Amino acid sequence: MTSGGTKRDRPSGRRTGIRDVAQATGLSITTVSHALSGKGQIAAATRDRVLRAAEELGYRPDPVARGLVSGRTGILGLAVGHMTGKPWEGTYRPYYAAFSAGASMAAVERDYALVVVPGDPVSGLWARVPMDGLIVVDPVRDDPLLADCARRGLPVVTDGRPIDPGYEHVPTVESDLERGMADVLDHLRDAGARRVGLLSGSEPDAYTEDSERLYREWCAGAGQEPLIDAPAASEEPIEAALRLLSHPDRPDAVHGLNETYGQALLAAARRLELTIPDDLLVSVMRETDQSGTAEDWSLPLTTLSLDARRLGTEAVSLLIDVLDGRPRREVTVPCAVVPRASTRRDAGGSSAGSRA
C-alpha cells in the first residue's frame, strides 16, 4: 500500500471510510467511489487495487450513506392485519410465528432486515421506522395498514388477498385453500361423515371469508345444507362449538379454522358425551405439519396443514421483486391433509374411540 494502509494505523473503534481507502491507494475519493460501486470508466488494474485495499482495511459501505444514494434502507416491515390481541394470542399465533420465521430467514439471505411493526399506524412507530416496503398478514376489511401504505406510497405485499376494493393491484401470497378445503372436506365425507359442519372465526379477513365460501360451495356439491357457527367477539370458542354440536341436525364431522377451535371441539364433545371419532370426526387447520407432533393434543387431530414458513419466505421474495421493479405476480402455496386419530374409524364403522 502507498500509505497508512493497515487497520492498526487507525484509531480504535473508528469505522473505515472511503477516505481511508483513498488515502491508502493515493487515489481521489471520486475514483475510489467509482471503483467500489462499479460505476464510471475505471481501469481494471485501478479497480483491483482499490478493492484489494478496501478488503485489507476492512472497509464496508456505510448503510446509511448507501441508503441516501439508493433510496433504500434495507429494512422490510411485517405487520398483522388483526387489530385485537385475542386472534393473535388465542387462535392464529402459531401461524404468525411460523410465517415470521420464514420471512426473517428469507430477508437475511437477501441482505435485508425484517422488523415487526404495530398493526395500527396511529401508534406513530411507522414514522420512526424507515421501511422500504411492508408485508401485511391477513388484511382485514377497512384495513388501516393498506390505507396508510397507499397514502404514503409505500410498496406492500399481502399474505391473503385484500378484501377491500381498490387494492386489486397489490401482489399477494396465498394458501391454496380452494384445493385444500375441498380435500379436507372430502376426507371427512370419505371417513364416514354424513353431515359436515364448520367452526369458523369472527376475524374479518380473507382466510375466514374464503374458507366459509369454499365450505358452502362444497356443501352445494355434496347435497347438504351448510351448518356454520363462530364465536362472537366476547365469546370463547367452546361456546360456539357447543352450539354447533347441540344443533337439532347435529353434524357428525366438523372442520375448525384453527387449532384453538379444534381444542374447543374436543372440550365440547367431552361435555356432550360424544366419542371421537365414533360420534364425531374433527379436523383443523394448522400452520404446518412440522410444528410439533400429535402429542401436542389430548387426541391427535387430522389437519389441513398450511406451509406458513414457506408463505413467509415467498412474501419476502415477492416484496423484493416489487422493490426491484419486476412484474407483478401472485404466489399460491399448496396445502396438505394429514389424517390422524380424530378421523380414523375401522372398516366396520367404529373404533376404540376417545372422549378427548
Protein backbone atom coordinates (compact mmCIF):
# COMPACT_ATOMS: atom_id res chain seq x y z
CA MET A 1 0.00 0.00 0.00
CA THR A 2 1.14 3.53 -0.63
CA SER A 3 0.42 5.00 2.81
CA GLY A 4 -1.17 4.38 6.22
CA GLY A 5 -2.74 1.21 4.88
CA THR A 6 -3.44 -1.11 7.80
CA LYS A 7 -6.24 -1.33 10.33
CA ARG A 8 -3.68 -0.82 13.11
CA ASP A 9 -2.94 2.71 11.79
CA ARG A 10 -6.48 3.90 12.56
CA PRO A 11 -7.83 4.92 15.95
CA SER A 12 -9.54 2.03 17.74
CA GLY A 13 -13.29 1.84 17.21
CA ARG A 14 -13.42 4.14 14.18
CA ARG A 15 -15.23 2.80 11.13
CA THR A 16 -13.14 2.52 7.99
CA GLY A 17 -14.41 5.03 5.47
CA ILE A 18 -13.94 5.68 1.80
CA ARG A 19 -11.46 8.43 2.67
CA ASP A 20 -9.20 5.83 4.31
CA VAL A 21 -9.23 3.72 1.14
CA ALA A 22 -8.42 6.80 -0.94
CA GLN A 23 -5.52 7.68 1.36
CA ALA A 24 -4.18 4.13 1.29
CA THR A 25 -4.22 3.95 -2.51
CA GLY A 26 -3.19 7.51 -3.24
CA LEU A 27 -6.30 7.98 -5.40
CA SER A 28 -9.07 10.54 -5.25
CA ILE A 29 -12.25 9.86 -3.29
CA THR A 30 -14.25 10.06 -6.54
CA THR A 31 -12.06 7.44 -8.23
CA VAL A 32 -12.30 5.14 -5.22
CA SER A 33 -16.08 5.60 -5.04
CA HIS A 34 -16.48 4.70 -8.72
CA ALA A 35 -14.22 1.68 -8.34
CA LEU A 36 -16.17 0.37 -5.34
CA SER A 37 -19.58 0.96 -6.91
CA GLY A 38 -18.63 -0.34 -10.37
CA LYS A 39 -19.56 2.98 -11.97
CA GLY A 40 -17.52 5.21 -14.24
CA GLN A 41 -14.66 4.43 -16.58
CA ILE A 42 -12.09 2.92 -14.24
CA ALA A 43 -9.18 0.81 -15.44
CA ALA A 44 -9.31 -2.82 -14.35
CA ALA A 45 -5.93 -2.55 -12.61
CA THR A 46 -7.09 0.51 -10.67
CA ARG A 47 -10.35 -1.17 -9.66
CA ASP A 48 -8.45 -4.25 -8.43
CA ARG A 49 -6.08 -2.03 -6.47
CA VAL A 50 -8.97 -0.27 -4.75
CA LEU A 51 -10.84 -3.47 -3.98
CA ARG A 52 -7.70 -5.07 -2.55
CA ALA A 53 -7.07 -2.06 -0.31
CA ALA A 54 -10.70 -1.98 0.83
CA GLU A 55 -10.51 -5.66 1.77
CA GLU A 56 -7.28 -5.22 3.71
CA LEU A 57 -8.63 -2.20 5.56
CA GLY A 58 -11.92 -3.93 6.38
CA TYR A 59 -13.96 -1.32 4.53
CA ARG A 60 -17.72 -1.85 4.39
CA PRO A 61 -20.15 0.58 2.77
CA ASP A 62 -21.99 2.81 5.24
CA PRO A 63 -25.60 1.54 5.08
CA VAL A 64 -26.99 5.00 5.91
CA ALA A 65 -24.98 6.69 3.19
CA ARG A 66 -25.78 3.92 0.75
CA GLY A 67 -29.46 4.34 1.58
CA LEU A 68 -29.29 8.05 0.88
CA VAL A 69 -27.84 7.34 -2.56
CA SER A 70 -30.07 4.39 -3.48
CA GLY A 71 -33.25 5.49 -1.72
CA ARG A 72 -33.28 2.12 0.08
CA THR A 73 -32.94 1.42 3.79
CA GLY A 74 -32.59 -2.35 3.57
CA ILE A 75 -35.49 -2.73 6.04
CA LEU A 76 -38.72 -4.62 5.37
CA GLY A 77 -41.73 -4.34 7.67
CA LEU A 78 -44.09 -7.10 8.77
CA ALA A 79 -47.50 -6.35 10.28
CA VAL A 80 -50.59 -8.38 11.14
CA GLY A 81 -53.95 -7.11 9.94
CA HIS A 82 -55.84 -8.12 13.10
CA MET A 83 -56.19 -5.19 15.44
CA THR A 84 -57.04 -7.11 18.62
CA GLY A 85 -54.86 -9.30 20.81
CA LYS A 86 -57.28 -12.23 21.01
CA PRO A 87 -56.86 -13.58 17.46
CA TRP A 88 -53.08 -13.43 17.88
CA GLU A 89 -52.82 -14.95 21.34
CA GLY A 90 -55.73 -17.34 21.27
CA THR A 91 -56.09 -18.57 17.73
CA TYR A 92 -53.57 -17.79 15.00
CA ARG A 93 -50.33 -17.08 16.87
CA PRO A 94 -48.64 -20.36 15.77
CA TYR A 95 -49.33 -19.43 12.13
CA TYR A 96 -47.89 -15.94 12.52
CA ALA A 97 -44.83 -17.27 14.34
CA ALA A 98 -44.04 -19.76 11.57
CA PHE A 99 -44.70 -17.14 8.89
CA SER A 100 -42.36 -14.67 10.63
CA ALA A 101 -39.62 -17.31 10.93
CA GLY A 102 -39.71 -17.99 7.19
CA ALA A 103 -39.83 -14.29 6.36
CA SER A 104 -36.90 -13.47 8.66
CA MET A 105 -34.63 -16.11 7.14
CA ALA A 106 -35.52 -15.06 3.60
CA ALA A 107 -34.86 -11.40 4.38
CA VAL A 108 -31.44 -12.10 5.89
CA GLU A 109 -30.48 -14.26 2.92
CA ARG A 110 -31.33 -11.36 0.60
CA ASP A 111 -29.35 -8.87 2.73
CA TYR A 112 -32.41 -7.21 4.26
CA ALA A 113 -33.53 -6.72 7.85
CA LEU A 114 -37.09 -7.60 8.85
CA VAL A 115 -38.88 -5.67 11.58
CA VAL A 116 -42.29 -6.35 13.10
CA VAL A 117 -44.32 -3.15 13.28
CA PRO A 118 -47.60 -2.44 15.09
CA GLY A 119 -50.79 -3.26 13.29
CA ASP A 120 -52.08 0.24 13.97
CA PRO A 121 -50.29 3.03 12.06
CA VAL A 122 -51.71 5.56 14.54
CA SER A 123 -49.10 4.31 17.04
CA GLY A 124 -46.55 6.65 15.43
CA LEU A 125 -43.84 3.99 15.19
CA TRP A 126 -44.30 3.85 11.45
CA ALA A 127 -42.86 7.32 11.10
CA ARG A 128 -39.75 6.30 13.05
CA VAL A 129 -39.02 3.08 11.12
CA PRO A 130 -37.71 3.83 7.62
CA MET A 131 -39.06 0.81 5.73
CA ASP A 132 -38.60 0.05 2.04
CA GLY A 133 -41.85 -1.91 1.97
CA LEU A 134 -44.39 -3.76 4.12
CA ILE A 135 -45.84 -7.27 4.31
CA VAL A 136 -49.38 -7.33 5.71
CA VAL A 137 -50.54 -10.69 7.06
CA ASP A 138 -54.28 -11.33 6.88
CA PRO A 139 -55.52 -7.91 5.73
CA VAL A 140 -58.93 -7.13 7.18
CA ARG A 141 -61.91 -5.16 5.98
CA ASP A 142 -61.29 -1.37 6.01
CA ASP A 143 -57.66 -2.23 6.68
CA PRO A 144 -55.80 0.82 8.08
CA LEU A 145 -52.44 -0.72 7.16
CA LEU A 146 -53.23 -0.84 3.45
CA ALA A 147 -54.81 2.60 3.56
CA ASP A 148 -51.71 4.11 5.19
CA CYS A 149 -49.39 2.41 2.69
CA ALA A 150 -51.46 3.84 -0.17
CA ARG A 151 -51.27 7.35 1.31
CA ARG A 152 -47.51 7.12 1.77
CA GLY A 153 -46.79 5.35 -1.50
CA LEU A 154 -45.14 2.50 0.42
CA PRO A 155 -44.78 -0.76 -1.55
CA VAL A 156 -46.86 -3.53 0.03
CA VAL A 157 -47.41 -7.28 -0.34
CA THR A 158 -50.14 -9.22 1.46
CA ASP A 159 -50.44 -12.75 2.81
CA GLY A 160 -54.05 -13.37 1.89
CA ARG A 161 -55.92 -11.26 -0.60
CA PRO A 162 -57.08 -7.75 0.37
CA ILE A 163 -60.87 -7.78 0.71
CA ASP A 164 -61.39 -4.03 0.27
CA PRO A 165 -61.91 -2.69 -3.27
CA GLY A 166 -59.10 -0.65 -4.75
CA TYR A 167 -56.25 -2.99 -3.83
CA GLU A 168 -56.52 -5.41 -6.75
CA HIS A 169 -53.05 -4.36 -7.88
CA VAL A 170 -51.41 -5.46 -4.61
CA PRO A 171 -49.27 -8.62 -5.08
CA THR A 172 -50.39 -11.47 -2.82
CA VAL A 173 -49.17 -14.74 -1.38
CA GLU A 174 -51.96 -17.21 -0.58
CA SER A 175 -52.51 -20.76 0.57
CA ASP A 176 -54.29 -22.95 -1.97
CA LEU A 177 -57.47 -23.03 0.10
CA GLU A 178 -59.63 -23.88 -2.89
CA ARG A 179 -57.91 -27.24 -3.23
CA GLY A 180 -57.17 -27.64 0.49
CA MET A 181 -60.73 -27.10 1.73
CA ALA A 182 -62.11 -29.48 -0.87
CA ASP A 183 -59.55 -32.11 0.12
CA VAL A 184 -60.19 -31.94 3.87
CA LEU A 185 -64.00 -31.89 3.49
CA ASP A 186 -63.80 -34.82 1.07
CA HIS A 187 -61.64 -36.63 3.62
CA LEU A 188 -64.31 -36.18 6.30
CA ARG A 189 -67.02 -37.48 3.97
CA ASP A 190 -64.86 -40.42 2.87
CA ALA A 191 -64.20 -41.22 6.56
CA GLY A 192 -67.94 -41.77 7.02
CA ALA A 193 -69.41 -38.33 7.78
CA ARG A 194 -72.99 -37.72 6.64
CA ARG A 195 -73.21 -34.08 7.78
CA VAL A 196 -70.13 -31.87 7.94
CA GLY A 197 -70.14 -28.59 9.89
CA LEU A 198 -67.71 -25.68 10.02
CA LEU A 199 -66.47 -23.93 13.15
CA SER A 200 -65.49 -20.60 11.65
CA GLY A 201 -63.96 -17.43 13.08
CA SER A 202 -65.06 -13.88 13.74
CA GLU A 203 -61.98 -12.30 12.14
CA PRO A 204 -62.91 -10.16 9.09
CA ASP A 205 -60.11 -11.46 6.86
CA ALA A 206 -59.88 -13.27 3.53
CA TYR A 207 -58.89 -16.60 5.12
CA THR A 208 -62.15 -16.73 7.08
CA GLU A 209 -64.33 -15.43 4.24
CA ASP A 210 -62.79 -17.75 1.66
CA SER A 211 -63.00 -20.77 3.94
CA GLU A 212 -66.71 -20.17 4.52
CA ARG A 213 -67.36 -19.60 0.81
CA LEU A 214 -65.49 -22.76 -0.18
CA TYR A 215 -67.32 -24.75 2.50
CA ARG A 216 -70.70 -23.56 1.17
CA GLU A 217 -69.68 -24.47 -2.37
CA TRP A 218 -68.63 -27.93 -1.20
CA CYS A 219 -71.95 -28.39 0.61
CA ALA A 220 -73.84 -27.49 -2.58
CA GLY A 221 -71.94 -30.15 -4.46
CA ALA A 222 -72.35 -32.72 -1.69
CA GLY A 223 -76.10 -32.12 -1.41
CA GLN A 224 -76.16 -30.97 2.24
CA GLU A 225 -77.24 -27.75 3.90
CA PRO A 226 -74.32 -25.68 5.30
CA LEU A 227 -74.02 -25.58 9.09
CA ILE A 228 -71.64 -22.85 10.30
CA ASP A 229 -71.08 -21.34 13.72
CA ALA A 230 -68.44 -18.92 15.01
CA PRO A 231 -67.65 -17.34 18.37
CA ALA A 232 -68.76 -13.76 18.82
CA ALA A 233 -66.14 -11.23 19.84
CA SER A 234 -66.99 -11.65 23.53
CA GLU A 235 -67.25 -15.45 23.43
CA GLU A 236 -64.84 -18.28 24.00
CA PRO A 237 -64.61 -20.77 21.10
CA ILE A 238 -66.11 -23.59 23.19
CA GLU A 239 -69.42 -21.70 23.32
CA ALA A 240 -69.69 -21.75 19.52
CA ALA A 241 -68.56 -25.39 19.48
CA LEU A 242 -71.30 -26.33 21.95
CA ARG A 243 -73.96 -24.58 19.85
CA LEU A 244 -72.75 -26.35 16.73
CA LEU A 245 -72.73 -29.79 18.34
CA SER A 246 -76.11 -29.20 20.01
CA HIS A 247 -77.85 -28.33 16.75
CA PRO A 248 -81.08 -30.31 16.12
CA ASP A 249 -79.47 -31.72 12.98
CA ARG A 250 -76.10 -32.24 14.65
CA PRO A 251 -73.07 -32.65 12.39
CA ASP A 252 -71.11 -35.86 12.72
CA ALA A 253 -67.96 -34.14 11.46
CA VAL A 254 -66.63 -30.60 11.93
CA HIS A 255 -63.70 -28.73 10.42
CA GLY A 256 -62.24 -25.95 12.61
CA LEU A 257 -60.37 -22.99 11.15
CA ASN A 258 -57.51 -23.18 13.64
CA GLU A 259 -56.02 -25.32 16.41
CA THR A 260 -57.78 -23.46 19.22
CA TYR A 261 -61.13 -24.26 17.63
CA GLY A 262 -60.08 -27.90 17.41
CA GLN A 263 -59.44 -27.97 21.14
CA ALA A 264 -62.81 -26.27 21.68
CA LEU A 265 -64.49 -29.03 19.67
CA LEU A 266 -62.78 -31.69 21.79
CA ALA A 267 -63.90 -29.99 25.01
CA ALA A 268 -67.46 -29.54 23.73
CA ALA A 269 -67.64 -33.18 22.63
CA ARG A 270 -66.47 -34.29 26.07
CA ARG A 271 -69.11 -32.14 27.76
CA LEU A 272 -71.83 -33.55 25.47
CA GLU A 273 -70.51 -37.10 25.94
CA LEU A 274 -69.70 -37.55 22.26
CA THR A 275 -66.95 -40.02 21.40
CA ILE A 276 -64.30 -39.11 18.81
CA PRO A 277 -64.15 -40.45 16.13
CA ASP A 278 -67.20 -42.73 16.62
CA ASP A 279 -69.76 -39.95 17.16
CA LEU A 280 -67.79 -37.03 15.77
CA LEU A 281 -64.94 -36.59 13.27
CA VAL A 282 -62.76 -33.50 13.77
CA SER A 283 -60.23 -31.76 11.52
CA VAL A 284 -58.47 -28.41 11.94
CA MET A 285 -56.21 -26.02 10.14
CA ARG A 286 -52.61 -26.00 11.32
CA GLU A 287 -49.80 -23.65 10.34
CA THR A 288 -47.51 -26.53 9.33
CA ASP A 289 -47.20 -30.25 9.85
CA GLN A 290 -43.66 -29.68 11.11
CA SER A 291 -44.57 -27.73 14.28
CA GLY A 292 -44.56 -30.40 16.92
CA THR A 293 -46.26 -33.77 16.92
CA ALA A 294 -49.56 -35.39 17.74
CA GLU A 295 -48.58 -35.26 21.42
CA ASP A 296 -49.43 -31.55 21.33
CA TRP A 297 -53.09 -32.52 21.72
CA SER A 298 -55.12 -34.69 24.07
CA LEU A 299 -56.23 -36.51 20.90
CA PRO A 300 -54.24 -36.40 17.62
CA LEU A 301 -56.26 -34.24 15.23
CA THR A 302 -56.43 -34.54 11.47
CA THR A 303 -55.07 -31.32 9.99
CA LEU A 304 -55.25 -29.20 6.89
CA SER A 305 -51.63 -28.06 7.07
CA LEU A 306 -50.64 -24.69 5.64
CA ASP A 307 -46.95 -24.19 4.91
CA ALA A 308 -46.72 -20.91 6.85
CA ARG A 309 -42.92 -20.82 6.83
CA ARG A 310 -42.87 -21.07 3.04
CA LEU A 311 -45.57 -18.41 2.79
CA GLY A 312 -43.32 -16.05 4.78
CA THR A 313 -40.37 -16.84 2.53
CA GLU A 314 -42.42 -16.22 -0.60
CA ALA A 315 -43.82 -12.94 0.76
CA VAL A 316 -40.32 -11.53 1.27
CA SER A 317 -39.23 -12.64 -2.19
CA LEU A 318 -42.32 -11.06 -3.70
CA LEU A 319 -41.78 -7.75 -1.87
CA ILE A 320 -38.17 -7.56 -3.01
CA ASP A 321 -39.35 -8.19 -6.58
CA VAL A 322 -41.71 -5.23 -6.20
CA LEU A 323 -38.87 -3.05 -4.92
CA ASP A 324 -36.68 -4.11 -7.84
CA GLY A 325 -39.39 -3.18 -10.33
CA ARG A 326 -40.15 -6.71 -11.51
CA PRO A 327 -43.60 -7.50 -12.98
CA ARG A 328 -46.45 -8.07 -10.54
CA ARG A 329 -47.14 -11.70 -9.72
CA GLU A 330 -49.12 -13.77 -7.23
CA VAL A 331 -47.94 -16.88 -5.40
CA THR A 332 -50.10 -19.83 -4.32
CA VAL A 333 -48.68 -22.33 -1.82
CA PRO A 334 -50.18 -25.85 -1.61
CA CYS A 335 -51.94 -27.23 1.50
CA ALA A 336 -51.86 -30.84 2.68
CA VAL A 337 -54.36 -33.02 4.55
CA VAL A 338 -52.66 -35.08 7.29
CA PRO A 339 -55.05 -37.76 8.66
CA ARG A 340 -54.80 -38.65 12.35
CA ALA A 341 -56.85 -40.43 15.00
CA SER A 342 -59.71 -37.89 15.07
CA THR A 343 -60.97 -39.09 11.67
CA ARG A 344 -59.88 -42.73 11.64
CA ARG A 345 -62.57 -45.36 12.01
CA ASP A 346 -62.08 -49.05 11.35
CA ALA A 347 -63.64 -50.81 8.38
CA GLY A 348 -66.71 -51.66 10.42
CA GLY A 349 -67.51 -48.02 11.08
CA SER A 350 -66.28 -47.90 14.67
CA SER A 351 -63.05 -47.51 16.59
CA ALA A 352 -61.73 -47.66 20.08
CA GLY A 353 -62.83 -44.05 20.29
CA SER A 354 -61.99 -41.32 22.77
CA ARG A 355 -63.92 -38.84 24.83
CA ALA A 356 -60.97 -36.45 24.32
